[in-house]
Amino acid sequence: MTDKLSFACERLRGISGLKVHKNQSLAAWTSFKAGGPADLLVLPSTRDSLIELKKTCVSEGWPLTIIGRGSNILISDQGIRGITAILSPALGSIRSCDQTLICEAGASLYEIAARAARLGLSGFEFACGIPGSVGGAILMNAGAFEGSMADLVLRTSYLDSDGELAELTGDQHDFSYRHSFFSENPQAIILETEIQLKQEPATLIYDRMADFARRRYQKQPLASLTAGSAFRRPEGHYAGKLISEAGMKGYTRGRAGVSDLHAGFIVNHGGATAREIGQVFADVRRAVYEREGILLEPEVRLVGEWEDDPFTIG
């Protein structure tokens, strides 16, 4: 295995615009601040280096995992085998064209919202407080305050499973609640997306963003180590309300637990392992299921080498 990693490391270091690190901890790259190492962590600084990386991994049969800003994932304590690529922030350019913004996958949602506001373009305010990159937001059709990516995305260019350039437009994105074409095709790599906005006085846009920020500050544990909303909204219910009613708000297990501010958020109180965090997910799911007969579906994605699914309730 060591010889294979050394060969892969040298091979990838030959790609211009690609930084390569062996056995690199990934905890710092995630909002949970938990998880093990990547066999090889690579940081592409140009689109060409990302494309060559993908094609090389395809030709060599090396597994490739893509991470944006690590805000909606839980990485295993064993880490990630093969190659792990971080797209942010180098691949995060934003440019405007009339009433659209063209954003590389690594662009942060906050930066896109700020750029749109400066240009007097409305429609992206809902995302101003969502941590993460636009690539990840498209993959999961992120949304808040009655807005979502599905409302805005015109087209998305990506690399398919063979590393070839491809594009989706309109309904081809297959958006639905926390779902997209890309959630069904995890080997695809989003490169760039174009979002349609509308002209509006900047003062109104900033007022709306301030209102959303105030509401988040009052209700969400923004200063805590979380991965955002822990569970999808069950039809006809709210996950946070169900968790509170099951007596799990403020619940603690080891160094992880449920936020005492908003029960829909699972928190790393400091130094928690990925397994400990996963156990809290399972405990919450079990409590809600036993009380309501509703099995909450995690919104956080598992990444890396897991011996079993830590979210299962048995």
C-alpha atoms as a PDB file:
ATOM      1  CA  MET A   1       0.000   0.000   0.000  1.00  0.00           C
ATOM      2  CA  THR A   2       2.846   2.372   0.899  1.00  0.00           C
ATOM      3  CA  ASP A   3       4.465   1.807  -2.498  1.00  0.00           C
ATOM      4  CA  LYS A   4       1.155   2.460  -4.268  1.00  0.00           C
ATOM      5  CA  LEU A   5       0.646   5.689  -2.335  1.00  0.00           C
ATOM      6  CA  SER A   6       4.186   6.832  -3.057  1.00  0.00           C
ATOM      7  CA  PHE A   7       3.678   6.134  -6.755  1.00  0.00           C
ATOM      8  CA  ALA A   8       0.363   8.013  -6.762  1.00  0.00           C
ATOM      9  CA  CYS A   9       1.904  10.901  -4.856  1.00  0.00           C
ATOM     10  CA  GLU A  10       4.732  11.312  -7.354  1.00  0.00           C
ATOM     11  CA  ARG A  11       2.352  10.907 -10.294  1.00  0.00           C
ATOM     12  CA  LEU A  12       0.035  13.630  -8.999  1.00  0.00           C
ATOM     13  CA  ARG A  13       2.884  15.973  -8.107  1.00  0.00           C
ATOM     14  CA  GLY A  14       3.660  15.996 -11.809  1.00  0.00           C
ATOM     15  CA  ILE A  15       0.366  17.814 -12.488  1.00  0.00           C
ATOM     16  CA  SER A  16       0.858  21.570 -12.745  1.00  0.00           C
ATOM     17  CA  GLY A  17      -1.254  23.571 -10.295  1.00  0.00           C
ATOM     18  CA  LEU A  18      -1.824  20.650  -7.910  1.00  0.00           C
ATOM     19  CA  LYS A  19      -0.514  20.560  -4.336  1.00  0.00           C
ATOM     20  CA  VAL A  20      -0.256  17.083  -2.826  1.00  0.00           C
ATOM     21  CA  HIS A  21       0.013  16.070   0.854  1.00  0.00           C
ATOM     22  CA  LYS A  22       0.377  12.534   2.229  1.00  0.00           C
ATOM     23  CA  ASN A  23      -1.548  11.260   5.255  1.00  0.00           C
ATOM     24  CA  GLN A  24      -3.112  14.672   5.924  1.00  0.00           C
ATOM     25  CA  SER A  25      -5.688  15.170   8.695  1.00  0.00           C
ATOM     26  CA  LEU A  26      -9.064  16.305   7.354  1.00  0.00           C
ATOM     27  CA  ALA A  27     -10.672  17.469  10.599  1.00  0.00           C
ATOM     28  CA  ALA A  28      -9.625  21.084  10.032  1.00  0.00           C
ATOM     29  CA  TRP A  29     -11.352  21.063   6.639  1.00  0.00           C
ATOM     30  CA  THR A  30     -14.785  20.292   8.096  1.00  0.00           C
ATOM     31  CA  SER A  31     -17.216  22.324  10.175  1.00  0.00           C
ATOM     32  CA  PHE A  32     -17.564  19.420  12.644  1.00  0.00           C
ATOM     33  CA  LYS A  33     -13.772  19.520  13.171  1.00  0.00           C
ATOM     34  CA  ALA A  34     -13.719  15.734  13.322  1.00  0.00           C
ATOM     35  CA  GLY A  35     -12.515  12.887  11.149  1.00  0.00           C
ATOM     36  CA  GLY A  36      -9.356  11.059  10.200  1.00  0.00           C
ATOM     37  CA  PRO A  37      -6.694  11.519   7.512  1.00  0.00           C
ATOM     38  CA  ALA A  38      -6.704  11.378   3.741  1.00  0.00           C
ATOM     39  CA  ASP A  39      -4.235   8.976   2.182  1.00  0.00           C
ATOM     40  CA  LEU A  40      -3.471  11.760  -0.284  1.00  0.00           C
ATOM     41  CA  LEU A  41      -4.920  15.257   0.017  1.00  0.00           C
ATOM     42  CA  VAL A  42      -4.728  17.318  -3.159  1.00  0.00           C
ATOM     43  CA  LEU A  43      -5.473  21.002  -3.656  1.00  0.00           C
ATOM     44  CA  PRO A  44      -6.128  21.950  -7.291  1.00  0.00           C
ATOM     45  CA  SER A  45      -5.564  25.643  -7.965  1.00  0.00           C
ATOM     46  CA  THR A  46      -6.841  25.709 -11.557  1.00  0.00           C
ATOM     47  CA  ARG A  47      -9.636  24.097 -13.518  1.00  0.00           C
ATOM     48  CA  ASP A  48      -7.106  22.408 -15.788  1.00  0.00           C
ATOM     49  CA  SER A  49      -5.381  20.784 -12.804  1.00  0.00           C
ATOM     50  CA  LEU A  50      -8.732  19.489 -11.532  1.00  0.00           C
ATOM     51  CA  ILE A  51      -9.583  18.059 -14.945  1.00  0.00           C
ATOM     52  CA  GLU A  52      -6.186  16.370 -15.237  1.00  0.00           C
ATOM     53  CA  LEU A  53      -6.571  15.040 -11.685  1.00  0.00           C
ATOM     54  CA  LYS A  54      -9.927  13.476 -12.540  1.00  0.00           C
ATOM     55  CA  LYS A  55      -8.661  11.936 -15.776  1.00  0.00           C
ATOM     56  CA  THR A  56      -5.580  10.543 -14.023  1.00  0.00           C
ATOM     57  CA  CYS A  57      -7.683   8.948 -11.280  1.00  0.00           C
ATOM     58  CA  VAL A  58     -10.001   7.427 -13.879  1.00  0.00           C
ATOM     59  CA  SER A  59      -7.131   6.006 -15.944  1.00  0.00           C
ATOM     60  CA  GLU A  60      -5.303   4.624 -12.882  1.00  0.00           C
ATOM     61  CA  GLY A  61      -8.449   3.368 -11.160  1.00  0.00           C
ATOM     62  CA  TRP A  62      -7.796   5.490  -8.057  1.00  0.00           C
ATOM     63  CA  PRO A  63     -10.803   6.472  -5.917  1.00  0.00           C
ATOM     64  CA  LEU A  64     -11.361  10.235  -5.848  1.00  0.00           C
ATOM     65  CA  THR A  65     -13.400  12.052  -3.192  1.00  0.00           C
ATOM     66  CA  ILE A  66     -14.325  15.713  -3.625  1.00  0.00           C
ATOM     67  CA  ILE A  67     -14.843  18.032  -0.649  1.00  0.00           C
ATOM     68  CA  GLY A  68     -15.972  21.642  -0.822  1.00  0.00           C
ATOM     69  CA  ARG A  69     -16.051  23.568   2.447  1.00  0.00           C
ATOM     70  CA  GLY A  70     -16.835  20.516   4.552  1.00  0.00           C
ATOM     71  CA  SER A  71     -20.004  21.958   6.035  1.00  0.00           C
ATOM     72  CA  ASN A  72     -22.467  19.127   5.489  1.00  0.00           C
ATOM     73  CA  ILE A  73     -20.357  16.013   5.962  1.00  0.00           C
ATOM     74  CA  LEU A  74     -19.079  13.676   8.662  1.00  0.00           C
ATOM     75  CA  ILE A  75     -15.733  12.104   7.827  1.00  0.00           C
ATOM     76  CA  SER A  76     -14.890   8.755   9.394  1.00  0.00           C
ATOM     77  CA  ASP A  77     -12.233   8.540  12.124  1.00  0.00           C
ATOM     78  CA  GLN A  78     -10.426   6.115   9.786  1.00  0.00           C
ATOM     79  CA  GLY A  79     -10.285   8.845   7.164  1.00  0.00           C
ATOM     80  CA  ILE A  80     -10.595   8.564   3.390  1.00  0.00           C
ATOM     81  CA  ARG A  81      -8.751   6.061   1.256  1.00  0.00           C
ATOM     82  CA  GLY A  82      -7.329   7.055  -2.118  1.00  0.00           C
ATOM     83  CA  ILE A  83      -7.324  10.664  -3.279  1.00  0.00           C
ATOM     84  CA  THR A  84      -9.237  13.498  -1.589  1.00  0.00           C
ATOM     85  CA  ALA A  85      -9.502  16.843  -3.367  1.00  0.00           C
ATOM     86  CA  ILE A  86     -10.476  20.147  -1.752  1.00  0.00           C
ATOM     87  CA  LEU A  87     -12.063  22.562  -4.249  1.00  0.00           C
ATOM     88  CA  SER A  88     -12.222  25.654  -2.081  1.00  0.00           C
ATOM     89  CA  PRO A  89     -11.216  28.401  -2.128  1.00  0.00           C
ATOM     90  CA  ALA A  90      -8.953  28.441  -5.205  1.00  0.00           C
ATOM     91  CA  LEU A  91     -11.732  27.295  -7.542  1.00  0.00           C
ATOM     92  CA  GLY A  92     -14.205  29.885  -6.305  1.00  0.00           C
ATOM     93  CA  SER A  93     -14.384  32.700  -8.836  1.00  0.00           C
ATOM     94  CA  ILE A  94     -17.602  34.683  -9.296  1.00  0.00           C
ATOM     95  CA  ARG A  95     -18.378  36.804 -12.331  1.00  0.00           C
ATOM     96  CA  SER A  96     -21.504  38.654 -13.390  1.00  0.00           C
ATOM     97  CA  CYS A  97     -23.320  38.830 -16.719  1.00  0.00           C
ATOM     98  CA  ASP A  98     -26.421  41.044 -16.783  1.00  0.00           C
ATOM     99  CA  GLN A  99     -28.750  39.506 -14.169  1.00  0.00           C
ATOM    100  CA  THR A 100     -26.859  36.253 -13.759  1.00  0.00           C
ATOM    101  CA  LEU A 101     -23.854  35.214 -11.702  1.00  0.00           C
ATOM    102  CA  ILE A 102     -21.467  32.560 -12.984  1.00  0.00           C
ATOM    103  CA  CYS A 103     -19.833  30.819 -10.034  1.00  0.00           C
ATOM    104  CA  GLU A 104     -17.132  28.198  -9.808  1.00  0.00           C
ATOM    105  CA  ALA A 105     -18.004  25.255  -7.572  1.00  0.00           C
ATOM    106  CA  GLY A 106     -15.732  26.350  -4.731  1.00  0.00           C
ATOM    107  CA  ALA A 107     -17.329  29.780  -4.313  1.00  0.00           C
ATOM    108  CA  SER A 108     -18.831  30.237  -0.852  1.00  0.00           C
ATOM    109  CA  LEU A 109     -22.535  30.940  -0.595  1.00  0.00           C
ATOM    110  CA  TYR A 110     -21.830  33.982   1.566  1.00  0.00           C
ATOM    111  CA  GLU A 111     -19.500  35.481  -1.062  1.00  0.00           C
ATOM    112  CA  ILE A 112     -22.073  34.901  -3.796  1.00  0.00           C
ATOM    113  CA  ALA A 113     -24.805  36.538  -1.705  1.00  0.00           C
ATOM    114  CA  ALA A 114     -22.544  39.506  -0.958  1.00  0.00           C
ATOM    115  CA  ARG A 115     -21.606  39.949  -4.631  1.00  0.00           C
ATOM    116  CA  ALA A 116     -25.248  39.762  -5.674  1.00  0.00           C
ATOM    117  CA  ALA A 117     -26.237  42.390  -3.098  1.00  0.00           C
ATOM    118  CA  ARG A 118     -23.519  44.797  -4.242  1.00  0.00           C
ATOM    119  CA  LEU A 119     -24.798  44.451  -7.803  1.00  0.00           C
ATOM    120  CA  GLY A 120     -28.420  44.976  -6.783  1.00  0.00           C
ATOM    121  CA  LEU A 121     -29.364  41.415  -7.735  1.00  0.00           C
ATOM    122  CA  SER A 122     -31.904  39.655  -5.521  1.00  0.00           C
ATOM    123  CA  GLY A 123     -32.895  36.031  -5.073  1.00  0.00           C
ATOM    124  CA  PHE A 124     -29.819  34.666  -3.309  1.00  0.00           C
ATOM    125  CA  GLU A 125     -30.416  36.237   0.099  1.00  0.00           C
ATOM    126  CA  PHE A 126     -31.679  32.945   1.557  1.00  0.00           C
ATOM    127  CA  ALA A 127     -28.173  31.473   1.216  1.00  0.00           C
ATOM    128  CA  CYS A 128     -26.214  34.290   2.865  1.00  0.00           C
ATOM    129  CA  GLY A 129     -25.907  32.414   6.170  1.00  0.00           C
ATOM    130  CA  ILE A 130     -25.573  28.864   4.870  1.00  0.00           C
ATOM    131  CA  PRO A 131     -22.002  27.623   5.312  1.00  0.00           C
ATOM    132  CA  GLY A 132     -20.519  25.818   2.360  1.00  0.00           C
ATOM    133  CA  SER A 133     -19.812  26.145  -1.332  1.00  0.00           C
ATOM    134  CA  VAL A 134     -22.147  26.492  -4.271  1.00  0.00           C
ATOM    135  CA  GLY A 135     -21.077  23.082  -5.576  1.00  0.00           C
ATOM    136  CA  GLY A 136     -22.268  21.409  -2.398  1.00  0.00           C
ATOM    137  CA  ALA A 137     -25.407  23.556  -2.393  1.00  0.00           C
ATOM    138  CA  ILE A 138     -26.322  22.331  -5.866  1.00  0.00           C
ATOM    139  CA  LEU A 139     -25.595  18.703  -4.981  1.00  0.00           C
ATOM    140  CA  MET A 140     -28.086  18.800  -2.090  1.00  0.00           C
ATOM    141  CA  ASN A 141     -30.364  21.558  -3.433  1.00  0.00           C
ATOM    142  CA  ALA A 142     -29.688  23.664  -0.343  1.00  0.00           C
ATOM    143  CA  GLY A 143     -32.403  25.987   0.802  1.00  0.00           C
ATOM    144  CA  ALA A 144     -33.678  28.209   3.605  1.00  0.00           C
ATOM    145  CA  PHE A 145     -36.353  30.835   4.224  1.00  0.00           C
ATOM    146  CA  GLU A 146     -38.499  29.430   1.401  1.00  0.00           C
ATOM    147  CA  GLY A 147     -35.701  29.767  -1.171  1.00  0.00           C
ATOM    148  CA  SER A 148     -33.556  27.052  -2.746  1.00  0.00           C
ATOM    149  CA  MET A 149     -30.958  26.465  -5.438  1.00  0.00           C
ATOM    150  CA  ALA A 150     -33.642  24.890  -7.623  1.00  0.00           C
ATOM    151  CA  ASP A 151     -35.254  28.327  -7.957  1.00  0.00           C
ATOM    152  CA  LEU A 152     -32.144  29.899  -9.460  1.00  0.00           C
ATOM    153  CA  VAL A 153     -29.863  27.495 -11.331  1.00  0.00           C
ATOM    154  CA  LEU A 154     -29.864  27.871 -15.124  1.00  0.00           C
ATOM    155  CA  ARG A 155     -26.997  25.595 -16.089  1.00  0.00           C
ATOM    156  CA  THR A 156     -24.140  23.663 -14.533  1.00  0.00           C
ATOM    157  CA  SER A 157     -20.955  22.438 -16.178  1.00  0.00           C
ATOM    158  CA  TYR A 158     -19.307  19.353 -14.701  1.00  0.00           C
ATOM    159  CA  LEU A 159     -16.941  16.457 -15.289  1.00  0.00           C
ATOM    160  CA  ASP A 160     -18.720  13.160 -15.814  1.00  0.00           C
ATOM    161  CA  SER A 161     -17.583   9.826 -14.378  1.00  0.00           C
ATOM    162  CA  ASP A 162     -15.030   9.481 -17.204  1.00  0.00           C
ATOM    163  CA  GLY A 163     -13.613  12.959 -16.669  1.00  0.00           C
ATOM    164  CA  GLU A 164     -15.265  14.405 -19.776  1.00  0.00           C
ATOM    165  CA  LEU A 165     -16.829  17.871 -19.817  1.00  0.00           C
ATOM    166  CA  ALA A 166     -20.629  17.890 -19.712  1.00  0.00           C
ATOM    167  CA  GLU A 167     -23.444  20.318 -18.955  1.00  0.00           C
ATOM    168  CA  LEU A 168     -26.928  20.326 -17.472  1.00  0.00           C
ATOM    169  CA  THR A 169     -29.598  22.935 -18.112  1.00  0.00           C
ATOM    170  CA  GLY A 170     -32.925  23.608 -16.430  1.00  0.00           C
ATOM    171  CA  ASP A 171     -34.912  20.521 -15.480  1.00  0.00           C
ATOM    172  CA  GLN A 172     -31.961  18.244 -16.234  1.00  0.00           C
ATOM    173  CA  HIS A 173     -30.697  19.120 -12.745  1.00  0.00           C
ATOM    174  CA  ASP A 174     -33.523  16.938 -11.369  1.00  0.00           C
ATOM    175  CA  PHE A 175     -33.936  19.117  -8.301  1.00  0.00           C
ATOM    176  CA  SER A 176     -36.260  18.099  -5.483  1.00  0.00           C
ATOM    177  CA  TYR A 177     -36.071  18.420  -1.706  1.00  0.00           C
ATOM    178  CA  ARG A 178     -32.379  17.950  -0.773  1.00  0.00           C
ATOM    179  CA  HIS A 179     -31.829  16.089  -4.047  1.00  0.00           C
ATOM    180  CA  SER A 180     -30.306  16.687  -7.465  1.00  0.00           C
ATOM    181  CA  PHE A 181     -28.805  14.899 -10.445  1.00  0.00           C
ATOM    182  CA  PHE A 182     -25.457  15.109  -8.652  1.00  0.00           C
ATOM    183  CA  SER A 183     -26.645  13.401  -5.479  1.00  0.00           C
ATOM    184  CA  GLU A 184     -27.529  10.440  -7.728  1.00  0.00           C
ATOM    185  CA  ASN A 185     -24.229  10.667  -9.637  1.00  0.00           C
ATOM    186  CA  PRO A 186     -21.527  11.082  -6.981  1.00  0.00           C
ATOM    187  CA  GLN A 187     -18.688  10.471  -9.444  1.00  0.00           C
ATOM    188  CA  ALA A 188     -19.531  13.696 -11.280  1.00  0.00           C
ATOM    189  CA  ILE A 189     -17.588  16.829 -10.307  1.00  0.00           C
ATOM    190  CA  ILE A 190     -19.344  20.194 -10.512  1.00  0.00           C
ATOM    191  CA  LEU A 191     -17.157  22.865 -12.096  1.00  0.00           C
ATOM    192  CA  GLU A 192     -19.336  25.930 -12.539  1.00  0.00           C
ATOM    193  CA  THR A 193     -22.938  27.045 -12.337  1.00  0.00           C
ATOM    194  CA  GLU A 194     -24.951  29.988 -13.624  1.00  0.00           C
ATOM    195  CA  ILE A 195     -27.713  31.389 -11.437  1.00  0.00           C
ATOM    196  CA  GLN A 196     -30.531  33.700 -12.543  1.00  0.00           C
ATOM    197  CA  LEU A 197     -31.306  36.667 -10.278  1.00  0.00           C
ATOM    198  CA  LYS A 198     -33.422  39.796 -10.641  1.00  0.00           C
ATOM    199  CA  GLN A 199     -32.748  43.498 -10.307  1.00  0.00           C
ATOM    200  CA  GLU A 200     -33.826  45.169  -7.076  1.00  0.00           C
ATOM    201  CA  PRO A 201     -32.607  48.140  -4.994  1.00  0.00           C
ATOM    202  CA  ALA A 202     -29.579  47.056  -2.971  1.00  0.00           C
ATOM    203  CA  THR A 203     -31.020  48.561   0.231  1.00  0.00           C
ATOM    204  CA  LEU A 204     -33.938  46.116   0.106  1.00  0.00           C
ATOM    205  CA  ILE A 205     -31.589  43.193  -0.483  1.00  0.00           C
ATOM    206  CA  TYR A 206     -29.355  44.164   2.448  1.00  0.00           C
ATOM    207  CA  ASP A 207     -32.398  44.587   4.686  1.00  0.00           C
ATOM    208  CA  ARG A 208     -33.559  41.077   3.808  1.00  0.00           C
ATOM    209  CA  MET A 209     -30.091  39.631   4.438  1.00  0.00           C
ATOM    210  CA  ALA A 210     -29.912  41.386   7.802  1.00  0.00           C
ATOM    211  CA  ASP A 211     -33.307  39.979   8.771  1.00  0.00           C
ATOM    212  CA  PHE A 212     -32.254  36.453   7.847  1.00  0.00           C
ATOM    213  CA  ALA A 213     -28.970  36.874   9.753  1.00  0.00           C
ATOM    214  CA  ARG A 214     -30.827  38.111  12.842  1.00  0.00           C
ATOM    215  CA  ARG A 215     -33.223  35.160  12.737  1.00  0.00           C
ATOM    216  CA  ARG A 216     -30.351  32.709  12.382  1.00  0.00           C
ATOM    217  CA  TYR A 217     -28.441  34.319  15.239  1.00  0.00           C
ATOM    218  CA  GLN A 218     -31.447  34.069  17.543  1.00  0.00           C
ATOM    219  CA  LYS A 219     -32.343  30.476  16.718  1.00  0.00           C
ATOM    220  CA  GLN A 220     -29.235  28.624  15.546  1.00  0.00           C
ATOM    221  CA  PRO A 221     -25.975  27.648  17.332  1.00  0.00           C
ATOM    222  CA  LEU A 222     -23.777  29.613  14.942  1.00  0.00           C
ATOM    223  CA  ALA A 223     -20.783  29.634  17.311  1.00  0.00           C
ATOM    224  CA  SER A 224     -20.810  25.849  17.781  1.00  0.00           C
ATOM    225  CA  LEU A 225     -19.118  23.124  15.742  1.00  0.00           C
ATOM    226  CA  THR A 226     -21.974  21.730  13.659  1.00  0.00           C
ATOM    227  CA  ALA A 227     -22.635  20.571  10.109  1.00  0.00           C
ATOM    228  CA  GLY A 228     -25.765  22.678   9.755  1.00  0.00           C
ATOM    229  CA  SER A 229     -29.206  21.104   9.969  1.00  0.00           C
ATOM    230  CA  ALA A 230     -28.682  17.522  11.075  1.00  0.00           C
ATOM    231  CA  PHE A 231     -31.865  15.999   9.652  1.00  0.00           C
ATOM    232  CA  ARG A 232     -34.145  16.432   6.691  1.00  0.00           C
ATOM    233  CA  ARG A 233     -37.601  17.814   7.334  1.00  0.00           C
ATOM    234  CA  PRO A 234     -40.113  14.941   7.560  1.00  0.00           C
ATOM    235  CA  GLU A 235     -43.251  15.546   5.547  1.00  0.00           C
ATOM    236  CA  GLY A 236     -45.753  17.425   7.673  1.00  0.00           C
ATOM    237  CA  HIS A 237     -43.302  17.921  10.558  1.00  0.00           C
ATOM    238  CA  TYR A 238     -40.215  19.837  11.659  1.00  0.00           C
ATOM    239  CA  ALA A 239     -37.211  17.792  12.768  1.00  0.00           C
ATOM    240  CA  GLY A 240     -36.223  20.190  15.551  1.00  0.00           C
ATOM    241  CA  LYS A 241     -39.703  20.114  17.073  1.00  0.00           C
ATOM    242  CA  LEU A 242     -39.832  16.306  16.985  1.00  0.00           C
ATOM    243  CA  ILE A 243     -36.409  16.088  18.624  1.00  0.00           C
ATOM    244  CA  SER A 244     -37.402  18.541  21.361  1.00  0.00           C
ATOM    245  CA  GLU A 245     -40.641  16.685  22.044  1.00  0.00           C
ATOM    246  CA  ALA A 246     -38.648  13.454  22.345  1.00  0.00           C
ATOM    247  CA  GLY A 247     -36.665  15.076  25.171  1.00  0.00           C
ATOM    248  CA  MET A 248     -33.396  15.232  23.231  1.00  0.00           C
ATOM    249  CA  LYS A 249     -32.805  18.993  23.103  1.00  0.00           C
ATOM    250  CA  GLY A 250     -29.543  19.626  24.978  1.00  0.00           C
ATOM    251  CA  TYR A 251     -28.768  15.881  25.101  1.00  0.00           C
ATOM    252  CA  THR A 252     -25.076  15.041  25.534  1.00  0.00           C
ATOM    253  CA  ARG A 253     -23.143  11.861  24.871  1.00  0.00           C
ATOM    254  CA  GLY A 254     -19.404  11.986  25.400  1.00  0.00           C
ATOM    255  CA  ARG A 255     -18.038  15.105  23.751  1.00  0.00           C
ATOM    256  CA  ALA A 256     -20.955  15.536  21.334  1.00  0.00           C
ATOM    257  CA  GLY A 257     -24.626  16.302  21.723  1.00  0.00           C
ATOM    258  CA  VAL A 258     -27.744  18.134  20.582  1.00  0.00           C
ATOM    259  CA  SER A 259     -27.767  21.920  20.671  1.00  0.00           C
ATOM    260  CA  ASP A 260     -29.718  23.416  23.567  1.00  0.00           C
ATOM    261  CA  LEU A 261     -30.554  26.395  21.338  1.00  0.00           C
ATOM    262  CA  HIS A 262     -31.975  24.514  18.345  1.00  0.00           C
ATOM    263  CA  ALA A 263     -32.630  20.776  18.566  1.00  0.00           C
ATOM    264  CA  GLY A 264     -32.136  20.371  14.808  1.00  0.00           C
ATOM    265  CA  PHE A 265     -28.368  20.811  15.204  1.00  0.00           C
ATOM    266  CA  ILE A 266     -25.900  18.221  16.465  1.00  0.00           C
ATOM    267  CA  VAL A 267     -22.803  19.702  18.062  1.00  0.00           C
ATOM    268  CA  ASN A 268     -19.182  18.753  18.632  1.00  0.00           C
ATOM    269  CA  HIS A 269     -18.554  20.246  22.095  1.00  0.00           C
ATOM    270  CA  GLY A 270     -14.812  19.922  21.538  1.00  0.00           C
ATOM    271  CA  GLY A 271     -12.626  16.946  20.681  1.00  0.00           C
ATOM    272  CA  ALA A 272     -15.468  14.584  19.749  1.00  0.00           C
ATOM    273  CA  THR A 273     -14.664  11.754  17.394  1.00  0.00           C
ATOM    274  CA  ALA A 274     -16.734  11.118  14.297  1.00  0.00           C
ATOM    275  CA  ARG A 275     -18.009   7.949  15.971  1.00  0.00           C
ATOM    276  CA  GLU A 276     -19.225   9.934  18.989  1.00  0.00           C
ATOM    277  CA  ILE A 277     -21.018  12.389  16.720  1.00  0.00           C
ATOM    278  CA  GLY A 278     -22.557   9.515  14.783  1.00  0.00           C
ATOM    279  CA  GLN A 279     -23.791   7.962  18.035  1.00  0.00           C
ATOM    280  CA  VAL A 280     -25.678  11.172  18.849  1.00  0.00           C
ATOM    281  CA  PHE A 281     -27.354  11.004  15.434  1.00  0.00           C
ATOM    282  CA  ALA A 282     -28.400   7.416  16.177  1.00  0.00           C
ATOM    283  CA  ASP A 283     -29.634   8.261  19.687  1.00  0.00           C
ATOM    284  CA  VAL A 284     -31.766  11.114  18.363  1.00  0.00           C
ATOM    285  CA  ARG A 285     -33.218   8.992  15.571  1.00  0.00           C
ATOM    286  CA  ARG A 286     -34.066   6.225  18.044  1.00  0.00           C
ATOM    287  CA  ALA A 287     -35.737   8.606  20.510  1.00  0.00           C
ATOM    288  CA  VAL A 288     -37.916  10.213  17.834  1.00  0.00           C
ATOM    289  CA  TYR A 289     -38.803   6.870  16.271  1.00  0.00           C
ATOM    290  CA  GLU A 290     -39.814   5.333  19.592  1.00  0.00           C
ATOM    291  CA  ARG A 291     -42.016   8.329  20.431  1.00  0.00           C
ATOM    292  CA  GLU A 292     -43.477   9.228  17.027  1.00  0.00           C
ATOM    293  CA  GLY A 293     -42.839   6.283  14.718  1.00  0.00           C
ATOM    294  CA  ILE A 294     -40.949   8.670  12.408  1.00  0.00           C
ATOM    295  CA  LEU A 295     -37.429   7.745  11.293  1.00  0.00           C
ATOM    296  CA  LEU A 296     -35.508  10.962  10.738  1.00  0.00           C
ATOM    297  CA  GLU A 297     -33.248  10.991   7.671  1.00  0.00           C
ATOM    298  CA  PRO A 298     -29.820  12.587   8.215  1.00  0.00           C
ATOM    299  CA  GLU A 299     -29.052  15.600   6.059  1.00  0.00           C
ATOM    300  CA  VAL A 300     -25.347  15.195   6.828  1.00  0.00           C
ATOM    301  CA  ARG A 301     -23.477  12.900   4.419  1.00  0.00           C
ATOM    302  CA  LEU A 302     -21.088  10.187   5.597  1.00  0.00           C
ATOM    303  CA  VAL A 303     -17.703  10.309   3.890  1.00  0.00           C
ATOM    304  CA  GLY A 304     -14.723   7.985   4.145  1.00  0.00           C
ATOM    305  CA  GLU A 305     -14.082   4.475   5.411  1.00  0.00           C
ATOM    306  CA  TRP A 306     -16.829   3.323   7.797  1.00  0.00           C
ATOM    307  CA  GLU A 307     -17.070  -0.237   9.121  1.00  0.00           C
ATOM    308  CA  ASP A 308     -20.824   0.301   9.518  1.00  0.00           C
ATOM    309  CA  ASP A 309     -23.365   3.096   9.265  1.00  0.00           C
ATOM    310  CA  PRO A 310     -23.103   5.062  12.535  1.00  0.00           C
ATOM    311  CA  PHE A 311     -26.547   6.558  12.005  1.00  0.00           C
ATOM    312  CA  THR A 312     -28.400   3.214  12.209  1.00  0.00           C
ATOM    313  CA  ILE A 313     -30.601   2.641  15.257  1.00  0.00           C
ATOM    314  CA  GLY A 314     -30.586  -1.172  15.181  1.00  0.00           C
END
